[in-house]
Amino acid sequence: MAEIINNAGNQFSISGDLGFVSVPDLLGKSIALFDDVAKAEIDLKDARALDSSAVALLVEWTRQFEMKGGEIVFSNVPDQFLRIAQISDVDSVLKFS
């Protein structure tokens, strides 16, 4: 199971298996966490078992931030995730640091 942690202000981290089973719960939890955040950085260094549902989650977060005029950036992105994002042709939509 994956979890999202607010480390400080606009700094968040994801840990655990970020896949089909955990994405819906994580999306639900993130709504309240991101409510008053205009710019966020999500650290993925402790995320494991990333699959296409993880890509969909990051695209959805990006869409939500863009709709409110904000910005979201993903850091420490595992190579496995980058490959899936490239194959899915969404790597240009997501912002990586």
C-alpha atoms as a PDB file:
ATOM      1  CA  MET A   1       0.000   0.000   0.000  1.00  0.00           C
ATOM      2  CA  ALA A   2       1.205   3.498  -0.779  1.00  0.00           C
ATOM      3  CA  GLU A   3       0.924   6.602   1.336  1.00  0.00           C
ATOM      4  CA  ILE A   4       1.384  10.307   0.774  1.00  0.00           C
ATOM      5  CA  ILE A   5       3.056  12.406   3.441  1.00  0.00           C
ATOM      6  CA  ASN A   6       3.143  16.190   3.771  1.00  0.00           C
ATOM      7  CA  ASN A   7       6.765  16.785   4.747  1.00  0.00           C
ATOM      8  CA  ALA A   8       6.462  20.565   5.050  1.00  0.00           C
ATOM      9  CA  GLY A   9       4.278  23.115   3.281  1.00  0.00           C
ATOM     10  CA  ASN A  10       4.359  22.209  -0.391  1.00  0.00           C
ATOM     11  CA  GLN A  11       6.759  19.259  -0.051  1.00  0.00           C
ATOM     12  CA  PHE A  12       5.179  15.802  -0.243  1.00  0.00           C
ATOM     13  CA  SER A  13       6.538  12.286  -0.543  1.00  0.00           C
ATOM     14  CA  ILE A  14       5.092   8.992  -1.706  1.00  0.00           C
ATOM     15  CA  SER A  15       6.146   5.707  -0.190  1.00  0.00           C
ATOM     16  CA  GLY A  16       5.123   2.124  -0.807  1.00  0.00           C
ATOM     17  CA  ASP A  17       3.660   0.302  -3.781  1.00  0.00           C
ATOM     18  CA  LEU A  18       2.099   2.801  -6.151  1.00  0.00           C
ATOM     19  CA  GLY A  19      -0.062   0.625  -8.334  1.00  0.00           C
ATOM     20  CA  PHE A  20      -3.572  -0.328  -9.357  1.00  0.00           C
ATOM     21  CA  VAL A  21      -4.705  -1.254  -5.827  1.00  0.00           C
ATOM     22  CA  SER A  22      -3.394   1.824  -4.013  1.00  0.00           C
ATOM     23  CA  VAL A  23      -4.000   4.620  -6.569  1.00  0.00           C
ATOM     24  CA  PRO A  24      -7.737   5.225  -5.865  1.00  0.00           C
ATOM     25  CA  ASP A  25      -7.108   5.570  -2.120  1.00  0.00           C
ATOM     26  CA  LEU A  26      -4.118   7.828  -2.698  1.00  0.00           C
ATOM     27  CA  LEU A  27      -6.126  10.043  -5.034  1.00  0.00           C
ATOM     28  CA  GLY A  28      -8.813  10.416  -2.386  1.00  0.00           C
ATOM     29  CA  LYS A  29      -6.309  11.330   0.331  1.00  0.00           C
ATOM     30  CA  SER A  30      -4.507  13.807  -1.902  1.00  0.00           C
ATOM     31  CA  ILE A  31      -7.595  15.945  -2.501  1.00  0.00           C
ATOM     32  CA  ALA A  32      -7.578  17.292   1.070  1.00  0.00           C
ATOM     33  CA  LEU A  33      -3.780  17.544   1.207  1.00  0.00           C
ATOM     34  CA  PHE A  34      -3.554  19.581  -1.998  1.00  0.00           C
ATOM     35  CA  ASP A  35      -6.600  21.765  -1.358  1.00  0.00           C
ATOM     36  CA  ASP A  36      -4.740  24.944  -0.340  1.00  0.00           C
ATOM     37  CA  VAL A  37      -1.471  24.203  -2.152  1.00  0.00           C
ATOM     38  CA  ALA A  38      -0.652  26.283  -5.243  1.00  0.00           C
ATOM     39  CA  LYS A  39       2.719  24.678  -5.982  1.00  0.00           C
ATOM     40  CA  ALA A  40       3.734  21.197  -4.901  1.00  0.00           C
ATOM     41  CA  GLU A  41       6.764  18.987  -5.183  1.00  0.00           C
ATOM     42  CA  ILE A  42       6.186  15.251  -4.914  1.00  0.00           C
ATOM     43  CA  ASP A  43       9.202  13.099  -4.056  1.00  0.00           C
ATOM     44  CA  LEU A  44       8.916   9.582  -5.492  1.00  0.00           C
ATOM     45  CA  LYS A  45      12.202   8.146  -4.200  1.00  0.00           C
ATOM     46  CA  ASP A  46      10.421   5.729  -1.822  1.00  0.00           C
ATOM     47  CA  ALA A  47       7.701   4.703  -4.284  1.00  0.00           C
ATOM     48  CA  ARG A  48       7.821   1.114  -5.499  1.00  0.00           C
ATOM     49  CA  ALA A  49       5.961  -1.092  -7.965  1.00  0.00           C
ATOM     50  CA  LEU A  50       5.007   1.792 -10.227  1.00  0.00           C
ATOM     51  CA  ASP A  51       2.707   0.872 -13.094  1.00  0.00           C
ATOM     52  CA  SER A  52       0.451   2.600 -15.611  1.00  0.00           C
ATOM     53  CA  SER A  53      -2.077   3.487 -12.911  1.00  0.00           C
ATOM     54  CA  ALA A  54       0.676   5.492 -11.190  1.00  0.00           C
ATOM     55  CA  VAL A  55       1.189   7.383 -14.439  1.00  0.00           C
ATOM     56  CA  ALA A  56      -2.553   8.091 -14.580  1.00  0.00           C
ATOM     57  CA  LEU A  57      -2.456   9.371 -10.988  1.00  0.00           C
ATOM     58  CA  LEU A  58       0.379  11.818 -11.708  1.00  0.00           C
ATOM     59  CA  VAL A  59      -1.400  13.026 -14.850  1.00  0.00           C
ATOM     60  CA  GLU A  60      -4.573  13.576 -12.796  1.00  0.00           C
ATOM     61  CA  TRP A  61      -2.662  15.515 -10.130  1.00  0.00           C
ATOM     62  CA  THR A  62      -1.100  17.632 -12.876  1.00  0.00           C
ATOM     63  CA  ARG A  63      -4.541  18.319 -14.350  1.00  0.00           C
ATOM     64  CA  GLN A  64      -5.941  19.299 -10.946  1.00  0.00           C
ATOM     65  CA  PHE A  65      -3.104  21.747 -10.300  1.00  0.00           C
ATOM     66  CA  GLU A  66      -3.356  23.254 -13.778  1.00  0.00           C
ATOM     67  CA  MET A  67      -7.124  23.758 -13.331  1.00  0.00           C
ATOM     68  CA  LYS A  68      -6.503  25.906 -10.258  1.00  0.00           C
ATOM     69  CA  GLY A  69      -3.582  27.765 -11.847  1.00  0.00           C
ATOM     70  CA  GLY A  70      -0.994  25.883  -9.802  1.00  0.00           C
ATOM     71  CA  GLU A  71       2.008  23.738 -10.547  1.00  0.00           C
ATOM     72  CA  ILE A  72       3.147  20.284  -9.509  1.00  0.00           C
ATOM     73  CA  VAL A  73       6.645  18.875  -9.986  1.00  0.00           C
ATOM     74  CA  PHE A  74       7.806  15.303  -9.426  1.00  0.00           C
ATOM     75  CA  SER A  75      11.298  14.583  -8.097  1.00  0.00           C
ATOM     76  CA  ASN A  76      13.436  11.480  -7.669  1.00  0.00           C
ATOM     77  CA  VAL A  77      11.368   9.711 -10.297  1.00  0.00           C
ATOM     78  CA  PRO A  78      12.394   6.060 -10.759  1.00  0.00           C
ATOM     79  CA  ASP A  79      13.625   5.067 -14.220  1.00  0.00           C
ATOM     80  CA  GLN A  80      10.851   2.447 -14.446  1.00  0.00           C
ATOM     81  CA  PHE A  81       8.251   5.191 -14.104  1.00  0.00           C
ATOM     82  CA  LEU A  82       9.961   7.422 -16.677  1.00  0.00           C
ATOM     83  CA  ARG A  83       9.919   4.569 -19.192  1.00  0.00           C
ATOM     84  CA  ILE A  84       6.197   3.968 -18.645  1.00  0.00           C
ATOM     85  CA  ALA A  85       5.487   7.719 -18.991  1.00  0.00           C
ATOM     86  CA  GLN A  86       7.480   7.822 -22.252  1.00  0.00           C
ATOM     87  CA  ILE A  87       5.764   4.751 -23.676  1.00  0.00           C
ATOM     88  CA  SER A  88       2.381   6.233 -22.676  1.00  0.00           C
ATOM     89  CA  ASP A  89       3.408   9.504 -24.353  1.00  0.00           C
ATOM     90  CA  VAL A  90       2.636  11.609 -21.260  1.00  0.00           C
ATOM     91  CA  ASP A  91       6.197  12.468 -20.283  1.00  0.00           C
ATOM     92  CA  SER A  92       5.764  15.892 -21.906  1.00  0.00           C
ATOM     93  CA  VAL A  93       2.688  16.598 -19.732  1.00  0.00           C
ATOM     94  CA  LEU A  94       4.424  15.810 -16.434  1.00  0.00           C
ATOM     95  CA  LYS A  95       7.091  18.055 -14.891  1.00  0.00           C
ATOM     96  CA  PHE A  96      10.147  16.289 -13.511  1.00  0.00           C
ATOM     97  CA  SER A  97      12.978  17.854 -11.520  1.00  0.00           C
END
